[in-house]
C-alpha atoms as a PDB file:
ATOM      1  CA  UNK A   1      16.187  48.651   2.710  1.00  0.00           C
ATOM      2  CA  UNK A   2      13.709  45.210   1.584  1.00  0.00           C
ATOM      3  CA  UNK A   3      14.947  42.101   2.562  1.00  0.00           C
ATOM      4  CA  UNK A   4      13.660  39.226   0.190  1.00  0.00           C
ATOM      5  CA  UNK A   5      12.722  36.372   2.662  1.00  0.00           C
ATOM      6  CA  UNK A   6      12.785  32.765   0.888  1.00  0.00           C
ATOM      7  CA  UNK A   7       9.905  30.984   2.129  1.00  0.00           C
ATOM      8  CA  UNK A   8      11.576  28.035   4.450  1.00  0.00           C
ATOM      9  CA  UNK A   9      12.050  24.604   2.465  1.00  0.00           C
ATOM     10  CA  UNK A  10       9.734  21.892   3.086  1.00  0.00           C
ATOM     11  CA  UNK A  11      10.705  19.982   5.824  1.00  0.00           C
ATOM     12  CA  UNK A  12      10.794  16.002   4.937  1.00  0.00           C
ATOM     13  CA  UNK A  13      10.016  13.555   7.399  1.00  0.00           C
ATOM     14  CA  UNK A  14      10.523   9.398   7.579  1.00  0.00           C
ATOM     15  CA  UNK A  15       8.385   7.589   9.463  1.00  0.00           C
ATOM     16  CA  UNK A  16       8.500   3.390  10.236  1.00  0.00           C
ATOM     17  CA  UNK A  17       6.255   1.096  11.487  1.00  0.00           C
ATOM     18  CA  UNK A  18       3.407  -1.012  10.991  1.00  0.00           C
ATOM     19  CA  UNK A  19       0.311   0.374   9.079  1.00  0.00           C
ATOM     20  CA  UNK A  20      -2.668   1.109  12.173  1.00  0.00           C
ATOM     21  CA  UNK A  21      -5.268   2.247  10.078  1.00  0.00           C
ATOM     22  CA  UNK A  22      -5.552   2.728   6.444  1.00  0.00           C
ATOM     23  CA  UNK A  23      -8.770   4.473   4.668  1.00  0.00           C
ATOM     24  CA  UNK A  24      -8.424   3.781   0.907  1.00  0.00           C
ATOM     25  CA  UNK A  25     -11.182   6.466   0.189  1.00  0.00           C
ATOM     26  CA  UNK A  26      -9.530   9.058   1.900  1.00  0.00           C
ATOM     27  CA  UNK A  27      -5.667   7.430   1.183  1.00  0.00           C
ATOM     28  CA  UNK A  28      -5.044   8.104   4.724  1.00  0.00           C
ATOM     29  CA  UNK A  29      -2.453   5.550   7.026  1.00  0.00           C
ATOM     30  CA  UNK A  30      -1.554   5.871  10.352  1.00  0.00           C
ATOM     31  CA  UNK A  31       1.839   4.179  11.673  1.00  0.00           C
ATOM     32  CA  UNK A  32       0.571   5.170  15.595  1.00  0.00           C
ATOM     33  CA  UNK A  33       2.567   8.668  15.545  1.00  0.00           C
ATOM     34  CA  UNK A  34       0.285  10.653  13.211  1.00  0.00           C
ATOM     35  CA  UNK A  35      -1.900  10.221  10.273  1.00  0.00           C
ATOM     36  CA  UNK A  36      -0.457  10.771   6.847  1.00  0.00           C
ATOM     37  CA  UNK A  37      -1.881  11.169   3.360  1.00  0.00           C
ATOM     38  CA  UNK A  38      -1.019   9.491   0.454  1.00  0.00           C
ATOM     39  CA  UNK A  39      -0.027  11.750  -2.812  1.00  0.00           C
ATOM     40  CA  UNK A  40      -2.098  10.894  -5.519  1.00  0.00           C
ATOM     41  CA  UNK A  41       0.770   9.346  -7.212  1.00  0.00           C
ATOM     42  CA  UNK A  42       2.257   6.968  -4.621  1.00  0.00           C
ATOM     43  CA  UNK A  43       0.367   3.285  -5.522  1.00  0.00           C
ATOM     44  CA  UNK A  44      -1.411   1.607  -2.805  1.00  0.00           C
ATOM     45  CA  UNK A  45      -1.409  -1.811  -3.841  1.00  0.00           C
ATOM     46  CA  UNK A  46      -0.446  -4.164  -0.815  1.00  0.00           C
ATOM     47  CA  UNK A  47      -1.135  -1.758   1.996  1.00  0.00           C
ATOM     48  CA  UNK A  48      -3.154  -3.313   4.512  1.00  0.00           C
ATOM     49  CA  UNK A  49      -3.500  -3.156   8.225  1.00  0.00           C
ATOM     50  CA  UNK A  50      -0.474  -4.582  10.336  1.00  0.00           C
ATOM     51  CA  UNK A  51       1.846  -4.012   7.136  1.00  0.00           C
ATOM     52  CA  UNK A  52       5.118  -2.482   8.085  1.00  0.00           C
ATOM     53  CA  UNK A  53       6.212  -0.132   5.749  1.00  0.00           C
ATOM     54  CA  UNK A  54       8.736   3.247   5.543  1.00  0.00           C
ATOM     55  CA  UNK A  55       6.558   6.344   4.876  1.00  0.00           C
ATOM     56  CA  UNK A  56       8.278   9.722   3.273  1.00  0.00           C
ATOM     57  CA  UNK A  57       7.017  12.617   2.708  1.00  0.00           C
ATOM     58  CA  UNK A  58       6.990  16.315   3.378  1.00  0.00           C
ATOM     59  CA  UNK A  59       5.668  17.575   6.538  1.00  0.00           C
ATOM     60  CA  UNK A  60       2.545  20.213   6.524  1.00  0.00           C
ATOM     61  CA  UNK A  61       2.726  23.188   8.444  1.00  0.00           C
ATOM     62  CA  UNK A  62       0.813  22.934  12.219  1.00  0.00           C
ATOM     63  CA  UNK A  63      -2.777  22.010  11.379  1.00  0.00           C
ATOM     64  CA  UNK A  64      -2.339  20.925   7.820  1.00  0.00           C
ATOM     65  CA  UNK A  65      -1.718  17.377   6.330  1.00  0.00           C
ATOM     66  CA  UNK A  66       1.262  15.642   6.088  1.00  0.00           C
ATOM     67  CA  UNK A  67       1.751  13.765   2.302  1.00  0.00           C
ATOM     68  CA  UNK A  68       3.580  10.831   1.441  1.00  0.00           C
ATOM     69  CA  UNK A  69       5.119  11.042  -1.491  1.00  0.00           C
ATOM     70  CA  UNK A  70       7.010   7.336  -1.148  1.00  0.00           C
ATOM     71  CA  UNK A  71       6.323   4.458   0.607  1.00  0.00           C
ATOM     72  CA  UNK A  72       8.336   1.166   0.647  1.00  0.00           C
ATOM     73  CA  UNK A  73       6.672  -2.179   2.009  1.00  0.00           C
ATOM     74  CA  UNK A  74       8.865  -3.751   4.496  1.00  0.00           C
ATOM     75  CA  UNK A  75       7.135  -6.424   5.508  1.00  0.00           C
ATOM     76  CA  UNK A  76       3.677  -7.745   4.899  1.00  0.00           C
ATOM     77  CA  UNK A  77       1.763  -9.516   8.074  1.00  0.00           C
ATOM     78  CA  UNK A  78      -0.146 -12.828   6.696  1.00  0.00           C
ATOM     79  CA  UNK A  79      -3.613 -12.933   8.234  1.00  0.00           C
ATOM     80  CA  UNK A  80      -4.440 -15.703  10.397  1.00  0.00           C
ATOM     81  CA  UNK A  81      -8.296 -17.274   9.716  1.00  0.00           C
ATOM     82  CA  UNK A  82     -10.395 -16.417  12.656  1.00  0.00           C
ATOM     83  CA  UNK A  83     -11.180 -19.486  14.920  1.00  0.00           C
ATOM     84  CA  UNK A  84     -14.774 -19.938  15.642  1.00  0.00           C
ATOM     85  CA  UNK A  85     -13.967 -21.907  18.879  1.00  0.00           C
ATOM     86  CA  UNK A  86     -16.670 -22.112  21.521  1.00  0.00           C
ATOM     87  CA  UNK A  87     -15.575 -19.729  24.155  1.00  0.00           C
ATOM     88  CA  UNK A  88     -14.354 -20.844  27.689  1.00  0.00           C
ATOM     89  CA  UNK A  89     -17.169 -21.530  30.202  1.00  0.00           C
ATOM     90  CA  UNK A  90     -16.721 -18.949  32.989  1.00  0.00           C
ATOM     91  CA  UNK A  91     -16.740 -20.186  36.875  1.00  0.00           C
END
């Protein structure tokens, strides 16, 4: 007797946090816990370092990529201009 075994359905993930790494060329981002890759149809308009997002997608098998198929920006971090003050003297 042969038993048909269906492959397990893909596991879904939802991660929330600030973007720690954003590589537009590779469409790779990191929320601190894991590297994630954006699917080609996911817009990247306002993504930037420090932006708070909720990323949803499909977990890859061990050693494979986790693919984001939906991303929601929850807050945008305003960047402050870099201060050009002289360093404080050390004694």
